[in-house]
Amino acid sequence: MTPEPGTFVMDTRTGNVGQVMGHQGPYLQLRPPAGGREWDAEPDAVRPVTDAERLSAQVRAVNHRSQSRA
């Protein structure tokens, strides 16, 4: 099953959490929770994130944004 846009997933090849932005050909387009450059991931190389992984990624994103403003 292909994750829907807006879903957070773990890219098992990089170990990074990304938000699914869309699909391009056979790939998923993922964006870091803090924003930034999207990357392509193969659908068979992603899995749903745990609640703890999602929360941790979102906290890092908020911290990144607050440090960028300082």
N, C-alpha and C. Protein backbone atom coordinates (compact mmCIF):
# COMPACT_ATOMS: atom_id res chain seq x y z
N MET A 1 0.84 -1.19 0.00
CA MET A 1 0.00 0.00 0.00
C MET A 1 0.89 1.25 0.00
N THR A 2 0.59 2.17 -0.87
CA THR A 2 1.37 3.40 -0.99
C THR A 2 0.85 4.44 0.00
N PRO A 3 1.74 5.04 0.79
CA PRO A 3 1.31 6.06 1.76
C PRO A 3 0.71 7.28 1.07
N GLU A 4 -0.29 7.85 1.69
CA GLU A 4 -0.95 9.04 1.17
C GLU A 4 -0.12 10.30 1.45
N PRO A 5 -0.23 11.33 0.61
CA PRO A 5 0.42 12.60 0.90
C PRO A 5 0.03 13.11 2.29
N GLY A 6 1.01 13.66 2.99
CA GLY A 6 0.80 14.16 4.34
C GLY A 6 1.20 13.17 5.42
N THR A 7 1.36 11.90 5.02
CA THR A 7 1.73 10.85 5.96
C THR A 7 3.22 10.93 6.28
N PHE A 8 3.57 10.68 7.53
CA PHE A 8 4.97 10.60 7.92
C PHE A 8 5.43 9.16 7.81
N VAL A 9 6.60 8.97 7.20
CA VAL A 9 7.17 7.63 7.04
C VAL A 9 8.65 7.66 7.38
N MET A 10 9.20 6.49 7.63
CA MET A 10 10.64 6.33 7.85
C MET A 10 11.24 5.78 6.57
N ASP A 11 12.23 6.48 6.03
CA ASP A 11 12.99 5.98 4.89
C ASP A 11 14.03 5.03 5.47
N THR A 12 13.82 3.74 5.29
CA THR A 12 14.69 2.75 5.94
C THR A 12 16.09 2.74 5.34
N ARG A 13 16.28 3.31 4.19
CA ARG A 13 17.62 3.34 3.58
C ARG A 13 18.47 4.47 4.14
N THR A 14 17.82 5.56 4.57
CA THR A 14 18.57 6.69 5.12
C THR A 14 18.40 6.83 6.62
N GLY A 15 17.32 6.24 7.16
CA GLY A 15 17.02 6.39 8.58
C GLY A 15 16.37 7.72 8.89
N ASN A 16 15.89 8.43 7.87
CA ASN A 16 15.27 9.74 8.06
C ASN A 16 13.76 9.65 8.00
N VAL A 17 13.11 10.47 8.83
CA VAL A 17 11.67 10.61 8.78
C VAL A 17 11.34 11.65 7.74
N GLY A 18 10.34 11.36 6.93
CA GLY A 18 9.91 12.32 5.92
C GLY A 18 8.40 12.33 5.80
N GLN A 19 7.90 13.46 5.34
CA GLN A 19 6.47 13.58 5.09
C GLN A 19 6.25 13.35 3.60
N VAL A 20 5.33 12.47 3.27
CA VAL A 20 5.05 12.18 1.87
C VAL A 20 4.41 13.41 1.23
N MET A 21 5.06 13.91 0.18
CA MET A 21 4.56 15.08 -0.53
C MET A 21 3.83 14.68 -1.81
N GLY A 22 4.19 13.54 -2.35
CA GLY A 22 3.55 13.09 -3.58
C GLY A 22 4.29 11.89 -4.14
N HIS A 23 3.94 11.58 -5.38
CA HIS A 23 4.52 10.45 -6.07
C HIS A 23 5.04 10.94 -7.41
N GLN A 24 6.23 10.51 -7.78
CA GLN A 24 6.81 10.85 -9.07
C GLN A 24 7.30 9.56 -9.70
N GLY A 25 6.61 9.08 -10.71
CA GLY A 25 6.97 7.80 -11.29
C GLY A 25 6.88 6.71 -10.23
N PRO A 26 7.91 5.89 -10.11
CA PRO A 26 7.86 4.81 -9.13
C PRO A 26 8.27 5.24 -7.72
N TYR A 27 8.60 6.51 -7.53
CA TYR A 27 9.15 6.97 -6.27
C TYR A 27 8.16 7.81 -5.46
N LEU A 28 8.37 7.80 -4.15
CA LEU A 28 7.68 8.73 -3.26
C LEU A 28 8.57 9.94 -3.09
N GLN A 29 7.98 11.10 -3.02
CA GLN A 29 8.73 12.31 -2.73
C GLN A 29 8.50 12.65 -1.27
N LEU A 30 9.60 12.69 -0.52
CA LEU A 30 9.55 12.95 0.92
C LEU A 30 10.22 14.28 1.23
N ARG A 31 9.71 14.95 2.25
CA ARG A 31 10.29 16.22 2.71
C ARG A 31 10.54 16.11 4.20
N PRO A 32 11.69 16.62 4.67
CA PRO A 32 11.95 16.61 6.11
C PRO A 32 10.86 17.38 6.86
N PRO A 33 10.53 16.96 8.09
CA PRO A 33 9.51 17.67 8.86
C PRO A 33 9.83 19.15 9.08
N ALA A 34 11.10 19.51 9.11
CA ALA A 34 11.49 20.91 9.29
C ALA A 34 11.42 21.69 7.99
N GLY A 35 11.01 21.04 6.92
CA GLY A 35 11.01 21.67 5.61
C GLY A 35 12.35 21.45 4.95
N GLY A 36 12.47 21.92 3.76
CA GLY A 36 13.73 21.76 3.05
C GLY A 36 13.57 20.94 1.80
N ARG A 37 14.68 20.46 1.33
CA ARG A 37 14.74 19.77 0.05
C ARG A 37 14.10 18.38 0.12
N GLU A 38 13.27 18.11 -0.85
CA GLU A 38 12.64 16.80 -0.95
C GLU A 38 13.64 15.77 -1.47
N TRP A 39 13.38 14.51 -1.15
CA TRP A 39 14.18 13.43 -1.71
C TRP A 39 13.25 12.32 -2.16
N ASP A 40 13.75 11.51 -3.07
CA ASP A 40 12.99 10.38 -3.58
C ASP A 40 13.28 9.14 -2.77
N ALA A 41 12.25 8.36 -2.51
CA ALA A 41 12.40 7.09 -1.81
C ALA A 41 11.58 6.03 -2.54
N GLU A 42 12.11 4.84 -2.56
CA GLU A 42 11.37 3.74 -3.16
C GLU A 42 10.27 3.32 -2.18
N PRO A 43 9.06 3.09 -2.68
CA PRO A 43 7.95 2.73 -1.78
C PRO A 43 8.23 1.51 -0.92
N ASP A 44 9.02 0.56 -1.42
CA ASP A 44 9.31 -0.62 -0.60
C ASP A 44 10.38 -0.37 0.44
N ALA A 45 10.94 0.85 0.47
CA ALA A 45 11.98 1.19 1.43
C ALA A 45 11.47 2.15 2.50
N VAL A 46 10.14 2.30 2.61
CA VAL A 46 9.58 3.14 3.66
C VAL A 46 8.64 2.31 4.52
N ARG A 47 8.48 2.77 5.74
CA ARG A 47 7.53 2.15 6.65
C ARG A 47 6.87 3.25 7.46
N PRO A 48 5.70 2.97 8.01
CA PRO A 48 5.06 3.98 8.86
C PRO A 48 5.96 4.29 10.06
N VAL A 49 5.94 5.53 10.51
CA VAL A 49 6.71 5.89 11.70
C VAL A 49 5.91 5.51 12.95
N THR A 50 6.64 5.29 14.02
CA THR A 50 5.99 5.10 15.31
C THR A 50 5.58 6.48 15.83
N ASP A 51 4.71 6.50 16.82
CA ASP A 51 4.33 7.78 17.42
C ASP A 51 5.56 8.50 17.97
N ALA A 52 6.46 7.74 18.59
CA ALA A 52 7.67 8.34 19.17
C ALA A 52 8.57 8.93 18.09
N GLU A 53 8.72 8.25 16.97
CA GLU A 53 9.55 8.76 15.87
C GLU A 53 8.95 10.03 15.28
N ARG A 54 7.63 10.04 15.10
CA ARG A 54 6.96 11.22 14.55
C ARG A 54 7.11 12.40 15.50
N LEU A 55 6.86 12.18 16.78
CA LEU A 55 6.98 13.25 17.76
C LEU A 55 8.41 13.78 17.82
N SER A 56 9.38 12.90 17.83
CA SER A 56 10.78 13.31 17.87
C SER A 56 11.14 14.16 16.65
N ALA A 57 10.69 13.75 15.47
CA ALA A 57 10.97 14.51 14.25
C ALA A 57 10.30 15.87 14.29
N GLN A 58 9.09 15.95 14.81
CA GLN A 58 8.38 17.23 14.89
C GLN A 58 9.04 18.15 15.91
N VAL A 59 9.51 17.62 17.02
CA VAL A 59 10.22 18.44 18.01
C VAL A 59 11.51 18.99 17.40
N ARG A 60 12.25 18.15 16.68
CA ARG A 60 13.47 18.63 16.01
C ARG A 60 13.14 19.75 15.02
N ALA A 61 12.01 19.61 14.31
CA ALA A 61 11.61 20.64 13.34
C ALA A 61 11.30 21.96 14.03
N VAL A 62 10.58 21.90 15.15
CA VAL A 62 10.26 23.12 15.90
C VAL A 62 11.54 23.76 16.44
N ASN A 63 12.44 22.94 16.99
CA ASN A 63 13.71 23.46 17.49
C ASN A 63 14.52 24.11 16.38
N HIS A 64 14.53 23.49 15.22
CA HIS A 64 15.27 24.03 14.07
C HIS A 64 14.72 25.39 13.67
N ARG A 65 13.38 25.49 13.61
CA ARG A 65 12.77 26.76 13.25
C ARG A 65 13.06 27.84 14.28
N SER A 66 13.02 27.51 15.57
CA SER A 66 13.26 28.52 16.60
C SER A 66 14.71 28.95 16.60
N GLN A 67 15.64 28.06 16.31
CA GLN A 67 17.06 28.43 16.25
C GLN A 67 17.35 29.28 15.01
N SER A 68 16.61 29.06 13.94
CA SER A 68 16.81 29.83 12.71
C SER A 68 16.39 31.27 12.89
N ARG A 69 15.45 31.52 13.78
CA ARG A 69 14.94 32.88 14.02
C ARG A 69 15.84 33.67 14.95
N ALA A 70 16.66 32.98 15.72
CA ALA A 70 17.51 33.64 16.71
C ALA A 70 18.68 34.36 16.07
